[in-house]
Amino acid sequence: MLEHVPAWMGRLLGDMRAGHEKLAIIKAGVPANMPMIDLTSPAFAPGARLPVRFTADGDGVSPPLVWGEVPTGTKSLALIVEDPDAPMPIPSSTP
């Protein structure tokens, strides 16, 4: 599955390892008072495991997403999906 990660994103996240303290949102220092956007999926319940169909072990398709209201002035969005319990391989040093 990691072979599908764009090279630029691999370089950005290359030193990240499993664990909640290593999540991108923590590493980036996102302030706690940052506006939040509700994001849900009719394919699984909040806090539930992602159904296998939506993983590399299944069909690898994206689950349907329902986005809440975007804060006024928002120019772009990025969705990073991380599993703090999964180990990440150390990327090669080649660009």
PDB file of N, CA and C in Angstrom:
ATOM      1  N   MET A   1       0.812  -1.196   0.000  1.00  0.00           N
ATOM      2  CA  MET A   1       0.000   0.000   0.000  1.00  0.00           C
ATOM      3  C   MET A   1       0.855   1.261   0.000  1.00  0.00           C
ATOM      4  N   LEU A   2       1.988   1.240   0.697  1.00  0.00           N
ATOM      5  CA  LEU A   2       2.829   2.431   0.737  1.00  0.00           C
ATOM      6  C   LEU A   2       3.421   2.775  -0.620  1.00  0.00           C
ATOM      7  N   GLU A   3       3.417   1.833  -1.546  1.00  0.00           N
ATOM      8  CA  GLU A   3       3.930   2.130  -2.878  1.00  0.00           C
ATOM      9  C   GLU A   3       3.047   3.138  -3.605  1.00  0.00           C
ATOM     10  N   HIS A   4       1.845   3.387  -3.093  1.00  0.00           N
ATOM     11  CA  HIS A   4       0.929   4.340  -3.702  1.00  0.00           C
ATOM     12  C   HIS A   4       1.051   5.734  -3.106  1.00  0.00           C
ATOM     13  N   VAL A   5       1.905   5.901  -2.103  1.00  0.00           N
ATOM     14  CA  VAL A   5       2.109   7.207  -1.475  1.00  0.00           C
ATOM     15  C   VAL A   5       2.988   8.048  -2.401  1.00  0.00           C
ATOM     16  N   PRO A   6       2.564   9.279  -2.743  1.00  0.00           N
ATOM     17  CA  PRO A   6       3.402  10.121  -3.599  1.00  0.00           C
ATOM     18  C   PRO A   6       4.758  10.372  -2.934  1.00  0.00           C
ATOM     19  N   ALA A   7       5.800  10.495  -3.743  1.00  0.00           N
ATOM     20  CA  ALA A   7       7.160  10.683  -3.218  1.00  0.00           C
ATOM     21  C   ALA A   7       7.244  11.896  -2.301  1.00  0.00           C
ATOM     22  N   TRP A   8       6.565  13.001  -2.658  1.00  0.00           N
ATOM     23  CA  TRP A   8       6.653  14.209  -1.828  1.00  0.00           C
ATOM     24  C   TRP A   8       6.074  13.964  -0.442  1.00  0.00           C
ATOM     25  N   MET A   9       5.003  13.170  -0.376  1.00  0.00           N
ATOM     26  CA  MET A   9       4.396  12.891   0.920  1.00  0.00           C
ATOM     27  C   MET A   9       5.282  11.941   1.722  1.00  0.00           C
ATOM     28  N   GLY A  10       5.914  10.998   1.036  1.00  0.00           N
ATOM     29  CA  GLY A  10       6.832  10.096   1.707  1.00  0.00           C
ATOM     30  C   GLY A  10       7.976  10.841   2.357  1.00  0.00           C
ATOM     31  N   ARG A  11       8.513  11.854   1.649  1.00  0.00           N
ATOM     32  CA  ARG A  11       9.600  12.656   2.224  1.00  0.00           C
ATOM     33  C   ARG A  11       9.094  13.470   3.410  1.00  0.00           C
ATOM     34  N   LEU A  12       7.889  14.013   3.307  1.00  0.00           N
ATOM     35  CA  LEU A  12       7.314  14.813   4.390  1.00  0.00           C
ATOM     36  C   LEU A  12       7.090  13.983   5.648  1.00  0.00           C
ATOM     37  N   LEU A  13       6.624  12.762   5.480  1.00  0.00           N
ATOM     38  CA  LEU A  13       6.272  11.918   6.614  1.00  0.00           C
ATOM     39  C   LEU A  13       7.319  10.843   6.892  1.00  0.00           C
ATOM     40  N   GLY A  14       8.459  10.893   6.217  1.00  0.00           N
ATOM     41  CA  GLY A  14       9.457   9.834   6.279  1.00  0.00           C
ATOM     42  C   GLY A  14       9.973   9.483   7.653  1.00  0.00           C
ATOM     43  N   ASP A  15      10.062  10.443   8.562  1.00  0.00           N
ATOM     44  CA  ASP A  15      10.611  10.137   9.879  1.00  0.00           C
ATOM     45  C   ASP A  15       9.536   9.812  10.906  1.00  0.00           C
ATOM     46  N   MET A  16       8.307   9.652  10.467  1.00  0.00           N
ATOM     47  CA  MET A  16       7.216   9.357  11.393  1.00  0.00           C
ATOM     48  C   MET A  16       7.166   7.866  11.696  1.00  0.00           C
ATOM     49  N   ARG A  17       6.873   7.535  12.912  1.00  0.00           N
ATOM     50  CA  ARG A  17       6.752   6.149  13.347  1.00  0.00           C
ATOM     51  C   ARG A  17       5.425   5.977  14.071  1.00  0.00           C
ATOM     52  N   ALA A  18       5.088   4.728  14.308  1.00  0.00           N
ATOM     53  CA  ALA A  18       3.834   4.423  14.992  1.00  0.00           C
ATOM     54  C   ALA A  18       3.803   5.068  16.371  1.00  0.00           C
ATOM     55  N   GLY A  19       2.624   5.350  16.847  1.00  0.00           N
ATOM     56  CA  GLY A  19       2.424   5.931  18.171  1.00  0.00           C
ATOM     57  C   GLY A  19       1.659   7.235  18.078  1.00  0.00           C
ATOM     58  N   HIS A  20       0.762   7.470  19.014  1.00  0.00           N
ATOM     59  CA  HIS A  20      -0.066   8.672  19.001  1.00  0.00           C
ATOM     60  C   HIS A  20       0.760   9.955  19.035  1.00  0.00           C
ATOM     61  N   GLU A  21       1.872   9.932  19.755  1.00  0.00           N
ATOM     62  CA  GLU A  21       2.696  11.139  19.840  1.00  0.00           C
ATOM     63  C   GLU A  21       3.389  11.467  18.524  1.00  0.00           C
ATOM     64  N   LYS A  22       3.353  10.554  17.569  1.00  0.00           N
ATOM     65  CA  LYS A  22       3.992  10.761  16.273  1.00  0.00           C
ATOM     66  C   LYS A  22       3.000  11.126  15.169  1.00  0.00           C
ATOM     67  N   LEU A  23       1.720  11.286  15.495  1.00  0.00           N
ATOM     68  CA  LEU A  23       0.725  11.636  14.486  1.00  0.00           C
ATOM     69  C   LEU A  23       1.058  12.994  13.871  1.00  0.00           C
ATOM     70  N   ALA A  24       0.727  13.169  12.601  1.00  0.00           N
ATOM     71  CA  ALA A  24       1.029  14.405  11.885  1.00  0.00           C
ATOM     72  C   ALA A  24       0.437  15.623  12.586  1.00  0.00           C
ATOM     73  N   ILE A  25      -0.766  15.499  13.131  1.00  0.00           N
ATOM     74  CA  ILE A  25      -1.409  16.645  13.782  1.00  0.00           C
ATOM     75  C   ILE A  25      -0.636  17.081  15.033  1.00  0.00           C
ATOM     76  N   ILE A  26      -0.023  16.142  15.717  1.00  0.00           N
ATOM     77  CA  ILE A  26       0.792  16.459  16.890  1.00  0.00           C
ATOM     78  C   ILE A  26       2.118  17.052  16.434  1.00  0.00           C
ATOM     79  N   LYS A  27       2.753  16.411  15.459  1.00  0.00           N
ATOM     80  CA  LYS A  27       4.049  16.864  14.958  1.00  0.00           C
ATOM     81  C   LYS A  27       3.943  18.268  14.372  1.00  0.00           C
ATOM     82  N   ALA A  28       2.864  18.564  13.696  1.00  0.00           N
ATOM     83  CA  ALA A  28       2.689  19.870  13.058  1.00  0.00           C
ATOM     84  C   ALA A  28       2.385  20.962  14.070  1.00  0.00           C
ATOM     85  N   GLY A  29       2.059  20.581  15.293  1.00  0.00           N
ATOM     86  CA  GLY A  29       1.757  21.582  16.315  1.00  0.00           C
ATOM     87  C   GLY A  29       0.452  22.315  16.064  1.00  0.00           C
ATOM     88  N   VAL A  30      -0.535  21.623  15.546  1.00  0.00           N
ATOM     89  CA  VAL A  30      -1.834  22.243  15.276  1.00  0.00           C
ATOM     90  C   VAL A  30      -2.453  22.685  16.596  1.00  0.00           C
ATOM     91  N   PRO A  31      -2.821  23.956  16.712  1.00  0.00           N
ATOM     92  CA  PRO A  31      -3.392  24.451  17.965  1.00  0.00           C
ATOM     93  C   PRO A  31      -4.693  23.745  18.324  1.00  0.00           C
ATOM     94  N   ALA A  32      -4.918  23.563  19.608  1.00  0.00           N
ATOM     95  CA  ALA A  32      -6.125  22.878  20.086  1.00  0.00           C
ATOM     96  C   ALA A  32      -7.395  23.638  19.722  1.00  0.00           C
ATOM     97  N   ASN A  33      -7.313  24.959  19.560  1.00  0.00           N
ATOM     98  CA  ASN A  33      -8.510  25.756  19.261  1.00  0.00           C
ATOM     99  C   ASN A  33      -8.750  25.917  17.756  1.00  0.00           C
ATOM    100  N   MET A  34      -8.081  25.104  16.953  1.00  0.00           N
ATOM    101  CA  MET A  34      -8.253  25.147  15.497  1.00  0.00           C
ATOM    102  C   MET A  34      -9.687  24.750  15.157  1.00  0.00           C
ATOM    103  N   PRO A  35     -10.324  25.459  14.201  1.00  0.00           N
ATOM    104  CA  PRO A  35     -11.688  25.069  13.811  1.00  0.00           C
ATOM    105  C   PRO A  35     -11.708  23.624  13.319  1.00  0.00           C
ATOM    106  N   MET A  36     -12.743  22.906  13.664  1.00  0.00           N
ATOM    107  CA  MET A  36     -12.863  21.500  13.280  1.00  0.00           C
ATOM    108  C   MET A  36     -13.958  21.345  12.236  1.00  0.00           C
ATOM    109  N   ILE A  37     -13.811  20.331  11.405  1.00  0.00           N
ATOM    110  CA  ILE A  37     -14.807  19.988  10.390  1.00  0.00           C
ATOM    111  C   ILE A  37     -15.294  18.580  10.708  1.00  0.00           C
ATOM    112  N   ASP A  38     -16.592  18.400  10.805  1.00  0.00           N
ATOM    113  CA  ASP A  38     -17.141  17.065  11.011  1.00  0.00           C
ATOM    114  C   ASP A  38     -16.913  16.249   9.746  1.00  0.00           C
ATOM    115  N   LEU A  39     -16.412  15.025   9.926  1.00  0.00           N
ATOM    116  CA  LEU A  39     -16.199  14.116   8.811  1.00  0.00           C
ATOM    117  C   LEU A  39     -16.692  12.750   9.242  1.00  0.00           C
ATOM    118  N   THR A  40     -17.678  12.242   8.537  1.00  0.00           N
ATOM    119  CA  THR A  40     -18.256  10.942   8.879  1.00  0.00           C
ATOM    120  C   THR A  40     -18.334  10.082   7.617  1.00  0.00           C
ATOM    121  N   SER A  41     -18.662   8.815   7.822  1.00  0.00           N
ATOM    122  CA  SER A  41     -18.863   7.907   6.704  1.00  0.00           C
ATOM    123  C   SER A  41     -20.050   7.004   7.015  1.00  0.00           C
ATOM    124  N   PRO A  42     -20.940   6.823   6.041  1.00  0.00           N
ATOM    125  CA  PRO A  42     -22.037   5.885   6.245  1.00  0.00           C
ATOM    126  C   PRO A  42     -21.562   4.423   6.188  1.00  0.00           C
ATOM    127  N   ALA A  43     -20.285   4.205   5.857  1.00  0.00           N
ATOM    128  CA  ALA A  43     -19.766   2.843   5.702  1.00  0.00           C
ATOM    129  C   ALA A  43     -19.344   2.206   7.025  1.00  0.00           C
ATOM    130  N   PHE A  44     -19.151   3.017   8.073  1.00  0.00           N
ATOM    131  CA  PHE A  44     -18.755   2.464   9.375  1.00  0.00           C
ATOM    132  C   PHE A  44     -19.072   3.484  10.465  1.00  0.00           C
ATOM    133  N   ALA A  45     -19.239   2.987  11.674  1.00  0.00           N
ATOM    134  CA  ALA A  45     -19.607   3.835  12.809  1.00  0.00           C
ATOM    135  C   ALA A  45     -18.392   4.600  13.334  1.00  0.00           C
ATOM    136  N   PRO A  46     -18.609   5.779  13.939  1.00  0.00           N
ATOM    137  CA  PRO A  46     -17.503   6.529  14.537  1.00  0.00           C
ATOM    138  C   PRO A  46     -16.742   5.663  15.550  1.00  0.00           C
ATOM    139  N   GLY A  47     -15.431   5.635  15.425  1.00  0.00           N
ATOM    140  CA  GLY A  47     -14.608   4.849  16.330  1.00  0.00           C
ATOM    141  C   GLY A  47     -14.519   3.376  15.987  1.00  0.00           C
ATOM    142  N   ALA A  48     -15.271   2.944  14.986  1.00  0.00           N
ATOM    143  CA  ALA A  48     -15.255   1.525  14.594  1.00  0.00           C
ATOM    144  C   ALA A  48     -14.067   1.251  13.678  1.00  0.00           C
ATOM    145  N   ARG A  49     -13.741  -0.025  13.543  1.00  0.00           N
ATOM    146  CA  ARG A  49     -12.668  -0.420  12.629  1.00  0.00           C
ATOM    147  C   ARG A  49     -13.092  -0.159  11.187  1.00  0.00           C
ATOM    148  N   LEU A  50     -12.144   0.207  10.373  1.00  0.00           N
ATOM    149  CA  LEU A  50     -12.391   0.403   8.954  1.00  0.00           C
ATOM    150  C   LEU A  50     -12.679  -0.958   8.325  1.00  0.00           C
ATOM    151  N   PRO A  51     -13.803  -1.121   7.645  1.00  0.00           N
ATOM    152  CA  PRO A  51     -14.095  -2.400   7.014  1.00  0.00           C
ATOM    153  C   PRO A  51     -12.980  -2.801   6.038  1.00  0.00           C
ATOM    154  N   VAL A  52     -12.677  -4.083   5.981  1.00  0.00           N
ATOM    155  CA  VAL A  52     -11.582  -4.610   5.164  1.00  0.00           C
ATOM    156  C   VAL A  52     -11.694  -4.154   3.712  1.00  0.00           C
ATOM    157  N   ARG A  53     -12.890  -4.005   3.210  1.00  0.00           N
ATOM    158  CA  ARG A  53     -13.100  -3.584   1.814  1.00  0.00           C
ATOM    159  C   ARG A  53     -12.339  -2.296   1.493  1.00  0.00           C
ATOM    160  N   PHE A  54     -12.176  -1.429   2.494  1.00  0.00           N
ATOM    161  CA  PHE A  54     -11.546  -0.127   2.283  1.00  0.00           C
ATOM    162  C   PHE A  54     -10.060  -0.126   2.620  1.00  0.00           C
ATOM    163  N   THR A  55      -9.448  -1.283   2.727  1.00  0.00           N
ATOM    164  CA  THR A  55      -8.030  -1.398   3.056  1.00  0.00           C
ATOM    165  C   THR A  55      -7.279  -2.096   1.934  1.00  0.00           C
ATOM    166  N   ALA A  56      -5.961  -2.147   2.060  1.00  0.00           N
ATOM    167  CA  ALA A  56      -5.133  -2.853   1.077  1.00  0.00           C
ATOM    168  C   ALA A  56      -5.374  -4.356   1.133  1.00  0.00           C
ATOM    169  N   ASP A  57      -5.927  -4.849   2.245  1.00  0.00           N
ATOM    170  CA  ASP A  57      -6.247  -6.270   2.358  1.00  0.00           C
ATOM    171  C   ASP A  57      -7.565  -6.618   1.671  1.00  0.00           C
ATOM    172  N   GLY A  58      -8.333  -5.606   1.321  1.00  0.00           N
ATOM    173  CA  GLY A  58      -9.600  -5.813   0.624  1.00  0.00           C
ATOM    174  C   GLY A  58      -9.515  -5.228  -0.778  1.00  0.00           C
ATOM    175  N   ASP A  59     -10.578  -4.527  -1.172  1.00  0.00           N
ATOM    176  CA  ASP A  59     -10.625  -3.930  -2.509  1.00  0.00           C
ATOM    177  C   ASP A  59      -9.775  -2.667  -2.623  1.00  0.00           C
ATOM    178  N   GLY A  60      -9.424  -2.075  -1.479  1.00  0.00           N
ATOM    179  CA  GLY A  60      -8.607  -0.868  -1.493  1.00  0.00           C
ATOM    180  C   GLY A  60      -9.332   0.353  -2.019  1.00  0.00           C
ATOM    181  N   VAL A  61     -10.664   0.340  -1.955  1.00  0.00           N
ATOM    182  CA  VAL A  61     -11.432   1.495  -2.414  1.00  0.00           C
ATOM    183  C   VAL A  61     -11.614   2.470  -1.263  1.00  0.00           C
ATOM    184  N   SER A  62     -11.831   3.721  -1.601  1.00  0.00           N
ATOM    185  CA  SER A  62     -12.052   4.738  -0.577  1.00  0.00           C
ATOM    186  C   SER A  62     -13.469   4.642  -0.040  1.00  0.00           C
ATOM    187  N   PRO A  63     -13.633   4.792   1.274  1.00  0.00           N
ATOM    188  CA  PRO A  63     -14.998   4.780   1.823  1.00  0.00           C
ATOM    189  C   PRO A  63     -15.703   6.085   1.470  1.00  0.00           C
ATOM    190  N   PRO A  64     -17.029   6.050   1.381  1.00  0.00           N
ATOM    191  CA  PRO A  64     -17.756   7.295   1.143  1.00  0.00           C
ATOM    192  C   PRO A  64     -17.597   8.204   2.363  1.00  0.00           C
ATOM    193  N   LEU A  65     -17.418   9.498   2.111  1.00  0.00           N
ATOM    194  CA  LEU A  65     -17.235  10.465   3.188  1.00  0.00           C
ATOM    195  C   LEU A  65     -18.296  11.548   3.107  1.00  0.00           C
ATOM    196  N   VAL A  66     -18.717  12.019   4.272  1.00  0.00           N
ATOM    197  CA  VAL A  66     -19.675  13.120   4.363  1.00  0.00           C
ATOM    198  C   VAL A  66     -18.981  14.231   5.151  1.00  0.00           C
ATOM    199  N   TRP A  67     -18.712  15.350   4.471  1.00  0.00           N
ATOM    200  CA  TRP A  67     -18.015  16.473   5.074  1.00  0.00           C
ATOM    201  C   TRP A  67     -19.015  17.452   5.675  1.00  0.00           C
ATOM    202  N   GLY A  68     -18.676  17.964   6.851  1.00  0.00           N
ATOM    203  CA  GLY A  68     -19.477  19.008   7.487  1.00  0.00           C
ATOM    204  C   GLY A  68     -19.113  20.362   6.905  1.00  0.00           C
ATOM    205  N   GLU A  69     -19.630  21.396   7.528  1.00  0.00           N
ATOM    206  CA  GLU A  69     -19.398  22.759   7.060  1.00  0.00           C
ATOM    207  C   GLU A  69     -17.919  23.130   7.191  1.00  0.00           C
ATOM    208  N   VAL A  70     -17.388  23.719   6.138  1.00  0.00           N
ATOM    209  CA  VAL A  70     -15.994  24.155   6.116  1.00  0.00           C
ATOM    210  C   VAL A  70     -15.937  25.583   6.670  1.00  0.00           C
ATOM    211  N   PRO A  71     -14.969  25.873   7.572  1.00  0.00           N
ATOM    212  CA  PRO A  71     -14.878  27.224   8.142  1.00  0.00           C
ATOM    213  C   PRO A  71     -14.725  28.300   7.066  1.00  0.00           C
ATOM    214  N   THR A  72     -15.329  29.432   7.279  1.00  0.00           N
ATOM    215  CA  THR A  72     -15.238  30.560   6.361  1.00  0.00           C
ATOM    216  C   THR A  72     -13.772  30.910   6.130  1.00  0.00           C
ATOM    217  N   GLY A  73     -13.431  31.173   4.887  1.00  0.00           N
ATOM    218  CA  GLY A  73     -12.068  31.563   4.546  1.00  0.00           C
ATOM    219  C   GLY A  73     -11.156  30.399   4.201  1.00  0.00           C
ATOM    220  N   THR A  74     -11.662  29.180   4.323  1.00  0.00           N
ATOM    221  CA  THR A  74     -10.850  28.014   3.996  1.00  0.00           C
ATOM    222  C   THR A  74     -10.524  28.020   2.509  1.00  0.00           C
ATOM    223  N   LYS A  75      -9.244  27.844   2.184  1.00  0.00           N
ATOM    224  CA  LYS A  75      -8.818  27.841   0.782  1.00  0.00           C
ATOM    225  C   LYS A  75      -8.525  26.438   0.277  1.00  0.00           C
ATOM    226  N   SER A  76      -8.152  25.529   1.169  1.00  0.00           N
ATOM    227  CA  SER A  76      -7.877  24.160   0.748  1.00  0.00           C
ATOM    228  C   SER A  76      -8.003  23.227   1.947  1.00  0.00           C
ATOM    229  N   LEU A  77      -8.126  21.947   1.647  1.00  0.00           N
ATOM    230  CA  LEU A  77      -8.233  20.915   2.682  1.00  0.00           C
ATOM    231  C   LEU A  77      -7.252  19.800   2.362  1.00  0.00           C
ATOM    232  N   ALA A  78      -6.768  19.142   3.393  1.00  0.00           N
ATOM    233  CA  ALA A  78      -5.941  17.952   3.225  1.00  0.00           C
ATOM    234  C   ALA A  78      -6.451  16.918   4.218  1.00  0.00           C
ATOM    235  N   LEU A  79      -6.583  15.705   3.763  1.00  0.00           N
ATOM    236  CA  LEU A  79      -7.026  14.619   4.628  1.00  0.00           C
ATOM    237  C   LEU A  79      -5.875  13.631   4.759  1.00  0.00           C
ATOM    238  N   ILE A  80      -5.355  13.498   5.973  1.00  0.00           N
ATOM    239  CA  ILE A  80      -4.289  12.541   6.257  1.00  0.00           C
ATOM    240  C   ILE A  80      -4.893  11.461   7.141  1.00  0.00           C
ATOM    241  N   VAL A  81      -4.797  10.227   6.709  1.00  0.00           N
ATOM    242  CA  VAL A  81      -5.322   9.100   7.468  1.00  0.00           C
ATOM    243  C   VAL A  81      -4.132   8.345   8.033  1.00  0.00           C
ATOM    244  N   GLU A  82      -4.062   8.269   9.356  1.00  0.00           N
ATOM    245  CA  GLU A  82      -2.943   7.612  10.012  1.00  0.00           C
ATOM    246  C   GLU A  82      -3.439   6.525  10.946  1.00  0.00           C
ATOM    247  N   ASP A  83      -2.653   5.489  11.093  1.00  0.00           N
ATOM    248  CA  ASP A  83      -2.921   4.427  12.060  1.00  0.00           C
ATOM    249  C   ASP A  83      -1.767   4.437  13.047  1.00  0.00           C
ATOM    250  N   PRO A  84      -1.968   5.022  14.231  1.00  0.00           N
ATOM    251  CA  PRO A  84      -0.867   5.137  15.183  1.00  0.00           C
ATOM    252  C   PRO A  84      -0.379   3.799  15.709  1.00  0.00           C
ATOM    253  N   ASP A  85      -1.136   2.749  15.493  1.00  0.00           N
ATOM    254  CA  ASP A  85      -0.748   1.427  15.983  1.00  0.00           C
ATOM    255  C   ASP A  85       0.020   0.610  14.949  1.00  0.00           C
ATOM    256  N   ALA A  86       0.088   1.101  13.715  1.00  0.00           N
ATOM    257  CA  ALA A  86       0.754   0.349  12.650  1.00  0.00           C
ATOM    258  C   ALA A  86       2.181   0.839  12.472  1.00  0.00           C
ATOM    259  N   PRO A  87       3.131  -0.086  12.370  1.00  0.00           N
ATOM    260  CA  PRO A  87       4.514   0.349  12.129  1.00  0.00           C
ATOM    261  C   PRO A  87       4.668   0.860  10.708  1.00  0.00           C
ATOM    262  N   MET A  88       5.537   1.837  10.542  1.00  0.00           N
ATOM    263  CA  MET A  88       5.837   2.352   9.213  1.00  0.00           C
ATOM    264  C   MET A  88       7.249   1.942   8.852  1.00  0.00           C
ATOM    265  N   PRO A  89       7.471   1.409   7.659  1.00  0.00           N
ATOM    266  CA  PRO A  89       8.829   1.050   7.276  1.00  0.00           C
ATOM    267  C   PRO A  89       9.684   2.304   7.126  1.00  0.00           C
ATOM    268  N   ILE A  90      10.966   2.161   7.357  1.00  0.00           N
ATOM    269  CA  ILE A  90      11.882   3.287   7.165  1.00  0.00           C
ATOM    270  C   ILE A  90      12.054   3.462   5.659  1.00  0.00           C
ATOM    271  N   PRO A  91      11.756   4.677   5.138  1.00  0.00           N
ATOM    272  CA  PRO A  91      11.858   4.885   3.692  1.00  0.00           C
ATOM    273  C   PRO A  91      13.312   4.840   3.228  1.00  0.00           C
ATOM    274  N   SER A  92      13.499   4.478   1.964  1.00  0.00           N
ATOM    275  CA  SER A  92      14.848   4.459   1.413  1.00  0.00           C
ATOM    276  C   SER A  92      15.334   5.895   1.255  1.00  0.00           C
ATOM    277  N   SER A  93      16.626   6.076   1.165  1.00  0.00           N
ATOM    278  CA  SER A  93      17.194   7.413   1.059  1.00  0.00           C
ATOM    279  C   SER A  93      17.215   7.935  -0.372  1.00  0.00           C
ATOM    280  N   THR A  94      16.760   7.136  -1.321  1.00  0.00           N
ATOM    281  CA  THR A  94      16.724   7.591  -2.713  1.00  0.00           C
ATOM    282  C   THR A  94      15.507   8.449  -2.946  1.00  0.00           C
ATOM    283  N   PRO A  95      15.662   9.550  -3.741  1.00  0.00           N
ATOM    284  CA  PRO A  95      14.532  10.468  -3.987  1.00  0.00           C
ATOM    285  C   PRO A  95      13.458   9.866  -4.841  1.00  0.00           C
TER     286      PRO A  95
END
